Full PDB file with SEQRES, HELIX, SHEET, SSBOND, CRYST1, ORIGX, SCALE, CONECT and MASTER records, all heavy atoms in Angstrom:
SEQRES   1 A   44  SER LYS ALA SER THR TYR TRP LEU VAL LEU ALA ALA GLY          
SEQRES   2 A   44  VAL LEU ALA TYR VAL ILE VAL ALA ASN LEU VAL ARG SER          
SEQRES   3 A   44  ARG ILE GLY ARG ALA ALA ILE ALA LEU ARG GLU ASN GLU          
SEQRES   4 A   44  VAL LEU ALA LYS SER                                          
HELIX    1 AA1 LYS A    2  VAL A   24  1                                  23    
HELIX    2 AA2 ARG A   27  GLU A   37  1                                  11    
HELIX    3 AA3 GLU A   39  LYS A   43  1                                   5    
CRYST1    1.000    1.000    1.000  90.00  90.00  90.00 P 1           1          
ORIGX1      1.000000  0.000000  0.000000        0.00000                         
ORIGX2      0.000000  1.000000  0.000000        0.00000                         
ORIGX3      0.000000  0.000000  1.000000        0.00000                         
SCALE1      1.000000  0.000000  0.000000        0.00000                         
SCALE2      0.000000  1.000000  0.000000        0.00000                         
SCALE3      0.000000  0.000000  1.000000        0.00000                         
ATOM      1  N   SER A   1       0.802  -1.192   0.005  1.00  0.00           N  
ATOM      2  CA  SER A   1      -0.018   0.022   0.010  1.00  0.00           C  
ATOM      3  C   SER A   1       0.860   1.304   0.001  1.00  0.00           C  
ATOM      4  O   SER A   1       2.038   1.163   0.336  1.00  0.00           O  
ATOM      5  CB  SER A   1      -0.890   0.037   1.255  1.00  0.00           C  
ATOM      6  OG  SER A   1      -0.188   0.226   2.421  1.00  0.00           O  
ATOM      7  N   LYS A   2       0.284   2.404  -0.448  1.00  0.00           N  
ATOM      8  CA  LYS A   2       1.033   3.567  -0.486  1.00  0.00           C  
ATOM      9  C   LYS A   2       1.447   4.135   0.841  1.00  0.00           C  
ATOM     10  O   LYS A   2       2.580   4.602   1.043  1.00  0.00           O  
ATOM     11  CB  LYS A   2       0.185   4.677  -1.161  1.00  0.00           C  
ATOM     12  CG  LYS A   2      -0.171   4.345  -2.677  1.00  0.00           C  
ATOM     13  CD  LYS A   2       1.048   4.129  -3.491  1.00  0.00           C  
ATOM     14  CE  LYS A   2       0.659   3.782  -4.898  1.00  0.00           C  
ATOM     15  NZ  LYS A   2       1.775   3.508  -5.749  1.00  0.00           N  
ATOM     16  N   ALA A   3       0.574   3.943   1.826  1.00  0.00           N  
ATOM     17  CA  ALA A   3       0.863   4.287   3.236  1.00  0.00           C  
ATOM     18  C   ALA A   3       2.028   3.490   3.809  1.00  0.00           C  
ATOM     19  O   ALA A   3       2.958   4.025   4.401  1.00  0.00           O  
ATOM     20  CB  ALA A   3      -0.319   4.216   4.136  1.00  0.00           C  
ATOM     21  N   SER A   4       1.968   2.155   3.614  1.00  0.00           N  
ATOM     22  CA  SER A   4       3.043   1.294   4.173  1.00  0.00           C  
ATOM     23  C   SER A   4       4.405   1.554   3.427  1.00  0.00           C  
ATOM     24  O   SER A   4       5.398   1.567   4.138  1.00  0.00           O  
ATOM     25  CB  SER A   4       2.711  -0.161   4.009  1.00  0.00           C  
ATOM     26  OG  SER A   4       2.516  -0.521   2.681  1.00  0.00           O  
ATOM     27  N   THR A   5       4.354   1.848   2.104  1.00  0.00           N  
ATOM     28  CA  THR A   5       5.544   2.233   1.450  1.00  0.00           C  
ATOM     29  C   THR A   5       6.133   3.559   2.011  1.00  0.00           C  
ATOM     30  O   THR A   5       7.357   3.706   2.221  1.00  0.00           O  
ATOM     31  CB  THR A   5       5.253   2.338  -0.050  1.00  0.00           C  
ATOM     32  OG1 THR A   5       4.863   1.135  -0.559  1.00  0.00           O  
ATOM     33  CG2 THR A   5       6.460   2.790  -0.805  1.00  0.00           C  
ATOM     34  N   TYR A   6       5.270   4.490   2.244  1.00  0.00           N  
ATOM     35  CA  TYR A   6       5.696   5.775   2.776  1.00  0.00           C  
ATOM     36  C   TYR A   6       6.351   5.584   4.137  1.00  0.00           C  
ATOM     37  O   TYR A   6       7.441   6.138   4.425  1.00  0.00           O  
ATOM     38  CB  TYR A   6       4.512   6.746   2.869  1.00  0.00           C  
ATOM     39  CG  TYR A   6       4.752   7.979   3.655  1.00  0.00           C  
ATOM     40  CD1 TYR A   6       5.307   9.085   3.030  1.00  0.00           C  
ATOM     41  CD2 TYR A   6       4.499   8.062   5.037  1.00  0.00           C  
ATOM     42  CE1 TYR A   6       5.677  10.287   3.716  1.00  0.00           C  
ATOM     43  CE2 TYR A   6       4.771   9.215   5.726  1.00  0.00           C  
ATOM     44  CZ  TYR A   6       5.343  10.302   5.089  1.00  0.00           C  
ATOM     45  OH  TYR A   6       5.623  11.452   5.827  1.00  0.00           O  
ATOM     46  N   TRP A   7       5.728   4.887   5.049  1.00  0.00           N  
ATOM     47  CA  TRP A   7       6.303   4.654   6.312  1.00  0.00           C  
ATOM     48  C   TRP A   7       7.651   3.836   6.301  1.00  0.00           C  
ATOM     49  O   TRP A   7       8.574   4.154   7.076  1.00  0.00           O  
ATOM     50  CB  TRP A   7       5.337   3.902   7.275  1.00  0.00           C  
ATOM     51  CG  TRP A   7       4.188   4.728   7.782  1.00  0.00           C  
ATOM     52  CD1 TRP A   7       4.334   5.970   8.274  1.00  0.00           C  
ATOM     53  CD2 TRP A   7       2.883   4.420   7.931  1.00  0.00           C  
ATOM     54  NE1 TRP A   7       3.219   6.490   8.724  1.00  0.00           N  
ATOM     55  CE2 TRP A   7       2.220   5.594   8.547  1.00  0.00           C  
ATOM     56  CE3 TRP A   7       2.065   3.298   7.629  1.00  0.00           C  
ATOM     57  CZ2 TRP A   7       0.848   5.538   8.817  1.00  0.00           C  
ATOM     58  CZ3 TRP A   7       0.709   3.326   7.861  1.00  0.00           C  
ATOM     59  CH2 TRP A   7       0.152   4.455   8.441  1.00  0.00           C  
ATOM     60  N   LEU A   8       7.702   2.951   5.336  1.00  0.00           N  
ATOM     61  CA  LEU A   8       8.979   2.171   5.203  1.00  0.00           C  
ATOM     62  C   LEU A   8      10.158   3.143   4.753  1.00  0.00           C  
ATOM     63  O   LEU A   8      11.230   3.056   5.323  1.00  0.00           O  
ATOM     64  CB  LEU A   8       8.794   1.165   4.113  1.00  0.00           C  
ATOM     65  CG  LEU A   8      10.026   0.282   3.703  1.00  0.00           C  
ATOM     66  CD1 LEU A   8      10.469  -0.504   4.855  1.00  0.00           C  
ATOM     67  CD2 LEU A   8       9.690  -0.550   2.502  1.00  0.00           C  
ATOM     68  N   VAL A   9       9.847   3.994   3.771  1.00  0.00           N  
ATOM     69  CA  VAL A   9      10.840   4.944   3.308  1.00  0.00           C  
ATOM     70  C   VAL A   9      11.232   5.947   4.431  1.00  0.00           C  
ATOM     71  O   VAL A   9      12.406   6.294   4.595  1.00  0.00           O  
ATOM     72  CB  VAL A   9      10.336   5.776   2.083  1.00  0.00           C  
ATOM     73  CG1 VAL A   9      11.273   6.853   1.701  1.00  0.00           C  
ATOM     74  CG2 VAL A   9      10.193   4.712   0.897  1.00  0.00           C  
ATOM     75  N   LEU A  10      10.193   6.389   5.161  1.00  0.00           N  
ATOM     76  CA  LEU A  10      10.439   7.285   6.247  1.00  0.00           C  
ATOM     77  C   LEU A  10      11.344   6.722   7.331  1.00  0.00           C  
ATOM     78  O   LEU A  10      12.311   7.310   7.765  1.00  0.00           O  
ATOM     79  CB  LEU A  10       9.125   7.766   6.893  1.00  0.00           C  
ATOM     80  CG  LEU A  10       9.231   8.629   8.157  1.00  0.00           C  
ATOM     81  CD1 LEU A  10       9.915  10.002   7.787  1.00  0.00           C  
ATOM     82  CD2 LEU A  10       7.875   8.901   8.754  1.00  0.00           C  
ATOM     83  N   ALA A  11      11.093   5.404   7.689  1.00  0.00           N  
ATOM     84  CA  ALA A  11      11.970   4.693   8.664  1.00  0.00           C  
ATOM     85  C   ALA A  11      13.361   4.643   8.182  1.00  0.00           C  
ATOM     86  O   ALA A  11      14.294   4.802   8.970  1.00  0.00           O  
ATOM     87  CB  ALA A  11      11.313   3.306   8.928  1.00  0.00           C  
ATOM     88  N   ALA A  12      13.569   4.229   6.842  1.00  0.00           N  
ATOM     89  CA  ALA A  12      14.894   4.109   6.279  1.00  0.00           C  
ATOM     90  C   ALA A  12      15.588   5.512   6.301  1.00  0.00           C  
ATOM     91  O   ALA A  12      16.816   5.494   6.573  1.00  0.00           O  
ATOM     92  CB  ALA A  12      14.749   3.501   4.898  1.00  0.00           C  
ATOM     93  N   GLY A  13      14.888   6.481   5.950  1.00  0.00           N  
ATOM     94  CA  GLY A  13      15.440   7.833   5.972  1.00  0.00           C  
ATOM     95  C   GLY A  13      15.809   8.281   7.333  1.00  0.00           C  
ATOM     96  O   GLY A  13      16.935   8.904   7.478  1.00  0.00           O  
ATOM     97  N   VAL A  14      15.070   8.074   8.378  1.00  0.00           N  
ATOM     98  CA  VAL A  14      15.381   8.424   9.737  1.00  0.00           C  
ATOM     99  C   VAL A  14      16.646   7.670  10.139  1.00  0.00           C  
ATOM    100  O   VAL A  14      17.555   8.210  10.802  1.00  0.00           O  
ATOM    101  CB  VAL A  14      14.215   8.203  10.647  1.00  0.00           C  
ATOM    102  CG1 VAL A  14      14.611   8.359  12.092  1.00  0.00           C  
ATOM    103  CG2 VAL A  14      13.048   9.135  10.235  1.00  0.00           C  
ATOM    104  N   LEU A  15      16.676   6.366   9.819  1.00  0.00           N  
ATOM    105  CA  LEU A  15      17.866   5.570  10.295  1.00  0.00           C  
ATOM    106  C   LEU A  15      19.077   6.072   9.528  1.00  0.00           C  
ATOM    107  O   LEU A  15      20.154   6.164  10.222  1.00  0.00           O  
ATOM    108  CB  LEU A  15      17.555   4.062   9.874  1.00  0.00           C  
ATOM    109  CG  LEU A  15      18.649   3.078  10.215  1.00  0.00           C  
ATOM    110  CD1 LEU A  15      19.016   3.076  11.721  1.00  0.00           C  
ATOM    111  CD2 LEU A  15      18.315   1.663   9.721  1.00  0.00           C  
ATOM    112  N   ALA A  16      19.004   6.381   8.262  1.00  0.00           N  
ATOM    113  CA  ALA A  16      20.127   6.856   7.556  1.00  0.00           C  
ATOM    114  C   ALA A  16      20.651   8.188   8.147  1.00  0.00           C  
ATOM    115  O   ALA A  16      21.838   8.441   8.318  1.00  0.00           O  
ATOM    116  CB  ALA A  16      19.831   7.058   6.041  1.00  0.00           C  
ATOM    117  N   TYR A  17      19.724   9.108   8.500  1.00  0.00           N  
ATOM    118  CA  TYR A  17      19.989  10.333   9.049  1.00  0.00           C  
ATOM    119  C   TYR A  17      20.770  10.148  10.451  1.00  0.00           C  
ATOM    120  O   TYR A  17      21.752  10.840  10.673  1.00  0.00           O  
ATOM    121  CB  TYR A  17      18.730  11.175   9.172  1.00  0.00           C  
ATOM    122  CG  TYR A  17      18.942  12.552   9.754  1.00  0.00           C  
ATOM    123  CD1 TYR A  17      19.016  13.661   8.882  1.00  0.00           C  
ATOM    124  CD2 TYR A  17      19.030  12.830  11.131  1.00  0.00           C  
ATOM    125  CE1 TYR A  17      19.195  14.992   9.349  1.00  0.00           C  
ATOM    126  CE2 TYR A  17      19.189  14.074  11.629  1.00  0.00           C  
ATOM    127  CZ  TYR A  17      19.207  15.189  10.738  1.00  0.00           C  
ATOM    128  OH  TYR A  17      19.503  16.449  11.223  1.00  0.00           O  
ATOM    129  N   VAL A  18      20.224   9.312  11.259  1.00  0.00           N  
ATOM    130  CA  VAL A  18      20.752   9.069  12.522  1.00  0.00           C  
ATOM    131  C   VAL A  18      22.180   8.485  12.435  1.00  0.00           C  
ATOM    132  O   VAL A  18      23.127   8.893  13.163  1.00  0.00           O  
ATOM    133  CB  VAL A  18      19.824   8.147  13.390  1.00  0.00           C  
ATOM    134  CG1 VAL A  18      20.641   7.731  14.714  1.00  0.00           C  
ATOM    135  CG2 VAL A  18      18.572   8.845  13.701  1.00  0.00           C  
ATOM    136  N   ILE A  19      22.378   7.554  11.552  1.00  0.00           N  
ATOM    137  CA  ILE A  19      23.690   6.973  11.347  1.00  0.00           C  
ATOM    138  C   ILE A  19      24.704   7.978  10.881  1.00  0.00           C  
ATOM    139  O   ILE A  19      25.817   8.079  11.446  1.00  0.00           O  
ATOM    140  CB  ILE A  19      23.677   5.817  10.276  1.00  0.00           C  
ATOM    141  CG1 ILE A  19      22.886   4.623  10.885  1.00  0.00           C  
ATOM    142  CG2 ILE A  19      25.012   5.377   9.784  1.00  0.00           C  
ATOM    143  CD1 ILE A  19      22.629   3.508   9.830  1.00  0.00           C  
ATOM    144  N   VAL A  20      24.275   8.856   9.969  1.00  0.00           N  
ATOM    145  CA  VAL A  20      25.220   9.886   9.478  1.00  0.00           C  
ATOM    146  C   VAL A  20      25.498  10.880  10.554  1.00  0.00           C  
ATOM    147  O   VAL A  20      26.672  11.300  10.712  1.00  0.00           O  
ATOM    148  CB  VAL A  20      24.611  10.546   8.199  1.00  0.00           C  
ATOM    149  CG1 VAL A  20      25.476  11.822   7.795  1.00  0.00           C  
ATOM    150  CG2 VAL A  20      24.538   9.558   6.970  1.00  0.00           C  
ATOM    151  N   ALA A  21      24.476  11.245  11.281  1.00  0.00           N  
ATOM    152  CA  ALA A  21      24.655  12.237  12.337  1.00  0.00           C  
ATOM    153  C   ALA A  21      25.720  11.749  13.397  1.00  0.00           C  
ATOM    154  O   ALA A  21      26.549  12.507  13.883  1.00  0.00           O  
ATOM    155  CB  ALA A  21      23.327  12.560  12.998  1.00  0.00           C  
ATOM    156  N   ASN A  22      25.556  10.446  13.820  1.00  0.00           N  
ATOM    157  CA  ASN A  22      26.467   9.895  14.805  1.00  0.00           C  
ATOM    158  C   ASN A  22      27.855   9.737  14.240  1.00  0.00           C  
ATOM    159  O   ASN A  22      28.846   9.893  14.944  1.00  0.00           O  
ATOM    160  CB  ASN A  22      25.958   8.591  15.299  1.00  0.00           C  
ATOM    161  CG  ASN A  22      24.822   8.668  16.307  1.00  0.00           C  
ATOM    162  OD1 ASN A  22      25.067   8.979  17.440  1.00  0.00           O  
ATOM    163  ND2 ASN A  22      23.608   8.633  15.815  1.00  0.00           N  
ATOM    164  N   LEU A  23      27.983   9.482  12.965  1.00  0.00           N  
ATOM    165  CA  LEU A  23      29.176   9.261  12.338  1.00  0.00           C  
ATOM    166  C   LEU A  23      30.035  10.598  12.312  1.00  0.00           C  
ATOM    167  O   LEU A  23      31.237  10.675  12.658  1.00  0.00           O  
ATOM    168  CB  LEU A  23      29.169   8.661  10.882  1.00  0.00           C  
ATOM    169  CG  LEU A  23      30.481   8.478  10.134  1.00  0.00           C  
ATOM    170  CD1 LEU A  23      31.352   7.426  10.847  1.00  0.00           C  
ATOM    171  CD2 LEU A  23      30.255   8.206   8.686  1.00  0.00           C  
ATOM    172  N   VAL A  24      29.364  11.618  11.754  1.00  0.00           N  
ATOM    173  CA  VAL A  24      30.082  12.877  11.619  1.00  0.00           C  
ATOM    174  C   VAL A  24      30.395  13.566  12.984  1.00  0.00           C  
ATOM    175  O   VAL A  24      31.309  14.446  13.032  1.00  0.00           O  
ATOM    176  CB  VAL A  24      29.256  13.958  10.703  1.00  0.00           C  
ATOM    177  CG1 VAL A  24      29.106  13.324   9.384  1.00  0.00           C  
ATOM    178  CG2 VAL A  24      27.882  14.288  11.419  1.00  0.00           C  
ATOM    179  N   ARG A  25      29.727  13.204  14.098  1.00  0.00           N  
ATOM    180  CA  ARG A  25      30.023  13.752  15.354  1.00  0.00           C  
ATOM    181  C   ARG A  25      31.086  12.801  16.078  1.00  0.00           C  
ATOM    182  O   ARG A  25      31.468  13.209  17.201  1.00  0.00           O  
ATOM    183  CB  ARG A  25      28.803  13.825  16.160  1.00  0.00           C  
ATOM    184  CG  ARG A  25      27.814  14.908  15.711  1.00  0.00           C  
ATOM    185  CD  ARG A  25      26.489  14.745  16.381  1.00  0.00           C  
ATOM    186  NE  ARG A  25      25.583  15.823  15.884  1.00  0.00           N  
ATOM    187  CZ  ARG A  25      24.236  15.644  15.867  1.00  0.00           C  
ATOM    188  NH1 ARG A  25      23.694  14.658  16.473  1.00  0.00           N  
ATOM    189  NH2 ARG A  25      23.486  16.675  15.388  1.00  0.00           N  
ATOM    190  N   SER A  26      31.485  11.801  15.464  1.00  0.00           N  
ATOM    191  CA  SER A  26      32.430  10.885  16.068  1.00  0.00           C  
ATOM    192  C   SER A  26      33.878  11.336  15.773  1.00  0.00           C  
ATOM    193  O   SER A  26      34.074  12.371  15.063  1.00  0.00           O  
ATOM    194  CB  SER A  26      32.321   9.453  15.585  1.00  0.00           C  
ATOM    195  OG  SER A  26      32.605   9.386  14.190  1.00  0.00           O  
ATOM    196  N   ARG A  27      34.855  10.600  16.309  1.00  0.00           N  
ATOM    197  CA  ARG A  27      36.236  11.029  16.062  1.00  0.00           C  
ATOM    198  C   ARG A  27      36.625  10.987  14.579  1.00  0.00           C  
ATOM    199  O   ARG A  27      37.264  11.843  14.081  1.00  0.00           O  
ATOM    200  CB  ARG A  27      37.074  10.033  16.841  1.00  0.00           C  
ATOM    201  CG  ARG A  27      38.671  10.420  16.767  1.00  0.00           C  
ATOM    202  CD  ARG A  27      39.423   9.527  17.667  1.00  0.00           C  
ATOM    203  NE  ARG A  27      40.856   9.874  17.651  1.00  0.00           N  
ATOM    204  CZ  ARG A  27      41.766   9.258  18.365  1.00  0.00           C  
ATOM    205  NH1 ARG A  27      41.464   8.236  19.205  1.00  0.00           N  
ATOM    206  NH2 ARG A  27      43.099   9.653  18.306  1.00  0.00           N  
ATOM    207  N   ILE A  28      36.191   9.912  13.946  1.00  0.00           N  
ATOM    208  CA  ILE A  28      36.492   9.808  12.487  1.00  0.00           C  
ATOM    209  C   ILE A  28      35.766  10.874  11.661  1.00  0.00           C  
ATOM    210  O   ILE A  28      36.286  11.327  10.625  1.00  0.00           O  
ATOM    211  CB  ILE A  28      36.225   8.399  11.908  1.00  0.00           C  
ATOM    212  CG1 ILE A  28      36.885   8.180  10.594  1.00  0.00           C  
ATOM    213  CG2 ILE A  28      34.745   8.033  11.915  1.00  0.00           C  
ATOM    214  CD1 ILE A  28      36.928   6.690  10.159  1.00  0.00           C  
ATOM    215  N   GLY A  29      34.622  11.221  12.138  1.00  0.00           N  
ATOM    216  CA  GLY A  29      33.843  12.314  11.486  1.00  0.00           C  
ATOM    217  C   GLY A  29      34.529  13.657  11.578  1.00  0.00           C  
ATOM    218  O   GLY A  29      34.654  14.403  10.569  1.00  0.00           O  
ATOM    219  N   ARG A  30      35.027  13.932  12.734  1.00  0.00           N  
ATOM    220  CA  ARG A  30      35.834  15.183  12.915  1.00  0.00           C  
ATOM    221  C   ARG A  30      37.100  15.122  12.065  1.00  0.00           C  
ATOM    222  O   ARG A  30      37.548  16.158  11.551  1.00  0.00           O  
ATOM    223  CB  ARG A  30      36.138  15.398  14.399  1.00  0.00           C  
ATOM    224  CG  ARG A  30      34.917  15.676  15.236  1.00  0.00           C  
ATOM    225  CD  ARG A  30      35.300  16.152  16.643  1.00  0.00           C  
ATOM    226  NE  ARG A  30      35.955  15.147  17.363  1.00  0.00           N  
ATOM    227  CZ  ARG A  30      35.354  14.205  18.129  1.00  0.00           C  
ATOM    228  NH1 ARG A  30      34.008  14.195  18.250  1.00  0.00           N  
ATOM    229  NH2 ARG A  30      36.024  13.300  18.818  1.00  0.00           N  
ATOM    230  N   ALA A  31      37.637  13.912  11.940  1.00  0.00           N  
ATOM    231  CA  ALA A  31      38.866  13.822  11.088  1.00  0.00           C  
ATOM    232  C   ALA A  31      38.506  14.036   9.618  1.00  0.00           C  
ATOM    233  O   ALA A  31      39.369  14.765   8.968  1.00  0.00           O  
ATOM    234  CB  ALA A  31      39.478  12.423  11.230  1.00  0.00           C  
ATOM    235  N   ALA A  32      37.416  13.640   9.164  1.00  0.00           N  
ATOM    236  CA  ALA A  32      37.027  13.888   7.820  1.00  0.00           C  
ATOM    237  C   ALA A  32      36.783  15.370   7.579  1.00  0.00           C  
ATOM    238  O   ALA A  32      37.150  15.831   6.468  1.00  0.00           O  
ATOM    239  CB  ALA A  32      35.714  13.030   7.530  1.00  0.00           C  
ATOM    240  N   ILE A  33      36.147  15.991   8.465  1.00  0.00           N  
ATOM    241  CA  ILE A  33      35.893  17.475   8.339  1.00  0.00           C  
ATOM    242  C   ILE A  33      37.227  18.235   8.339  1.00  0.00           C  
ATOM    243  O   ILE A  33      37.440  19.147   7.565  1.00  0.00           O  
ATOM    244  CB  ILE A  33      35.007  17.983   9.422  1.00  0.00           C  
ATOM    245  CG1 ILE A  33      33.582  17.321   9.316  1.00  0.00           C  
ATOM    246  CG2 ILE A  33      34.928  19.493   9.470  1.00  0.00           C  
ATOM    247  CD1 ILE A  33      32.715  17.590  10.489  1.00  0.00           C  
ATOM    248  N   ALA A  34      38.252  17.758   9.182  1.00  0.00           N  
ATOM    249  CA  ALA A  34      39.582  18.388   9.081  1.00  0.00           C  
ATOM    250  C   ALA A  34      40.159  18.151   7.772  1.00  0.00           C  
ATOM    251  O   ALA A  34      40.867  19.084   7.183  1.00  0.00           O  
ATOM    252  CB  ALA A  34      40.422  17.804  10.222  1.00  0.00           C  
ATOM    253  N   LEU A  35      39.950  16.985   7.211  1.00  0.00           N  
ATOM    254  CA  LEU A  35      40.536  16.676   5.852  1.00  0.00           C  
ATOM    255  C   LEU A  35      39.913  17.605   4.818  1.00  0.00           C  
ATOM    256  O   LEU A  35      40.594  18.083   3.929  1.00  0.00           O  
ATOM    257  CB  LEU A  35      40.250  15.206   5.591  1.00  0.00           C  
ATOM    258  CG  LEU A  35      40.426  14.753   4.130  1.00  0.00           C  
ATOM    259  CD1 LEU A  35      41.933  14.865   3.717  1.00  0.00           C  
ATOM    260  CD2 LEU A  35      39.982  13.244   3.964  1.00  0.00           C  
ATOM    261  N   ARG A  36      38.580  17.874   4.946  1.00  0.00           N  
ATOM    262  CA  ARG A  36      37.944  18.696   3.964  1.00  0.00           C  
ATOM    263  C   ARG A  36      38.454  20.105   4.016  1.00  0.00           C  
ATOM    264  O   ARG A  36      38.663  20.746   2.987  1.00  0.00           O  
ATOM    265  CB  ARG A  36      36.400  18.680   4.263  1.00  0.00           C  
ATOM    266  CG  ARG A  36      35.626  19.598   3.391  1.00  0.00           C  
ATOM    267  CD  ARG A  36      34.201  19.746   3.939  1.00  0.00           C  
ATOM    268  NE  ARG A  36      34.191  20.523   5.264  1.00  0.00           N  
ATOM    269  CZ  ARG A  36      33.202  20.677   6.013  1.00  0.00           C  
ATOM    270  NH1 ARG A  36      31.970  20.062   5.769  1.00  0.00           N  
ATOM    271  NH2 ARG A  36      33.261  21.340   7.142  1.00  0.00           N  
ATOM    272  N   GLU A  37      38.772  20.569   5.266  1.00  0.00           N  
ATOM    273  CA  GLU A  37      39.196  21.981   5.375  1.00  0.00           C  
ATOM    274  C   GLU A  37      40.607  22.165   4.926  1.00  0.00           C  
ATOM    275  O   GLU A  37      40.990  23.153   4.249  1.00  0.00           O  
ATOM    276  CB  GLU A  37      39.021  22.408   6.885  1.00  0.00           C  
ATOM    277  CG  GLU A  37      37.613  22.378   7.355  1.00  0.00           C  
ATOM    278  CD  GLU A  37      36.644  23.296   6.560  1.00  0.00           C  
ATOM    279  OE1 GLU A  37      37.162  24.389   6.184  1.00  0.00           O  
ATOM    280  OE2 GLU A  37      35.499  22.960   6.398  1.00  0.00           O  
ATOM    281  N   ASN A  38      41.518  21.194   5.176  1.00  0.00           N  
ATOM    282  CA  ASN A  38      42.911  21.328   4.876  1.00  0.00           C  
ATOM    283  C   ASN A  38      43.560  19.929   4.890  1.00  0.00           C  
ATOM    284  O   ASN A  38      43.925  19.433   6.019  1.00  0.00           O  
ATOM    285  CB  ASN A  38      43.573  22.300   5.812  1.00  0.00           C  
ATOM    286  CG  ASN A  38      44.993  22.732   5.353  1.00  0.00           C  
ATOM    287  OD1 ASN A  38      45.733  21.903   4.770  1.00  0.00           O  
ATOM    288  ND2 ASN A  38      45.362  23.996   5.506  1.00  0.00           N  
ATOM    289  N   GLU A  39      43.703  19.349   3.739  1.00  0.00           N  
ATOM    290  CA  GLU A  39      44.235  18.014   3.701  1.00  0.00           C  
ATOM    291  C   GLU A  39      45.721  17.925   4.150  1.00  0.00           C  
ATOM    292  O   GLU A  39      46.110  16.972   4.850  1.00  0.00           O  
ATOM    293  CB  GLU A  39      44.078  17.427   2.274  1.00  0.00           C  
ATOM    294  CG  GLU A  39      44.577  15.995   2.176  1.00  0.00           C  
ATOM    295  CD  GLU A  39      44.305  15.406   0.840  1.00  0.00           C  
ATOM    296  OE1 GLU A  39      43.458  15.936   0.089  1.00  0.00           O  
ATOM    297  OE2 GLU A  39      44.917  14.385   0.395  1.00  0.00           O  
ATOM    298  N   VAL A  40      46.513  18.898   3.735  1.00  0.00           N  
ATOM    299  CA  VAL A  40      47.934  18.906   4.123  1.00  0.00           C  
ATOM    300  C   VAL A  40      48.044  18.996   5.655  1.00  0.00           C  
ATOM    301  O   VAL A  40      48.861  18.263   6.246  1.00  0.00           O  
ATOM    302  CB  VAL A  40      48.592  20.067   3.440  1.00  0.00           C  
ATOM    303  CG1 VAL A  40      50.141  20.135   3.942  1.00  0.00           C  
ATOM    304  CG2 VAL A  40      48.556  19.925   1.860  1.00  0.00           C  
ATOM    305  N   LEU A  41      47.271  19.901   6.271  1.00  0.00           N  
ATOM    306  CA  LEU A  41      47.351  19.974   7.673  1.00  0.00           C  
ATOM    307  C   LEU A  41      46.896  18.772   8.389  1.00  0.00           C  
ATOM    308  O   LEU A  41      47.392  18.359   9.438  1.00  0.00           O  
ATOM    309  CB  LEU A  41      46.503  21.208   8.184  1.00  0.00           C  
ATOM    310  CG  LEU A  41      46.499  21.529   9.691  1.00  0.00           C  
ATOM    311  CD1 LEU A  41      47.867  21.823  10.221  1.00  0.00           C  
ATOM    312  CD2 LEU A  41      45.617  22.788   9.951  1.00  0.00           C  
ATOM    313  N   ALA A  42      45.758  18.159   7.900  1.00  0.00           N  
ATOM    314  CA  ALA A  42      45.254  16.898   8.416  1.00  0.00           C  
ATOM    315  C   ALA A  42      46.314  15.785   8.448  1.00  0.00           C  
ATOM    316  O   ALA A  42      46.464  15.063   9.380  1.00  0.00           O  
ATOM    317  CB  ALA A  42      43.985  16.494   7.667  1.00  0.00           C  
ATOM    318  N   LYS A  43      47.082  15.672   7.328  1.00  0.00           N  
ATOM    319  CA  LYS A  43      48.052  14.677   7.212  1.00  0.00           C  
ATOM    320  C   LYS A  43      49.173  14.957   8.192  1.00  0.00           C  
ATOM    321  O   LYS A  43      49.747  14.109   8.884  1.00  0.00           O  
ATOM    322  CB  LYS A  43      48.697  14.657   5.862  1.00  0.00           C  
ATOM    323  CG  LYS A  43      47.803  13.999   4.783  1.00  0.00           C  
ATOM    324  CD  LYS A  43      48.570  13.932   3.417  1.00  0.00           C  
ATOM    325  CE  LYS A  43      47.629  13.283   2.423  1.00  0.00           C  
ATOM    326  NZ  LYS A  43      48.250  13.263   1.061  1.00  0.00           N  
ATOM    327  N   SER A  44      49.460  16.228   8.419  1.00  0.00           N  
ATOM    328  CA  SER A  44      50.626  16.680   9.286  1.00  0.00           C  
ATOM    329  C   SER A  44      50.404  16.312  10.775  1.00  0.00           C  
ATOM    330  O   SER A  44      51.392  16.157  11.464  1.00  0.00           O  
ATOM    331  CB  SER A  44      50.955  18.185   9.154  1.00  0.00           C  
ATOM    332  OG  SER A  44      49.891  18.900   9.686  1.00  0.00           O  
TER     333      SER A  44                                                      
MASTER        0    0    0    3    0    0    0    6  332    1    0    4          
END                                                                             
């Protein structure tokens, strides 16, 4: 049904959002942001 499909997509979207949010706030997420800002400095 259209309603069940909608809820399924919403649940998957919320899960993806939460996973990404926790990743970028983690240590490796902060490292990735540092890499985006200045790769040479991040390597150093």
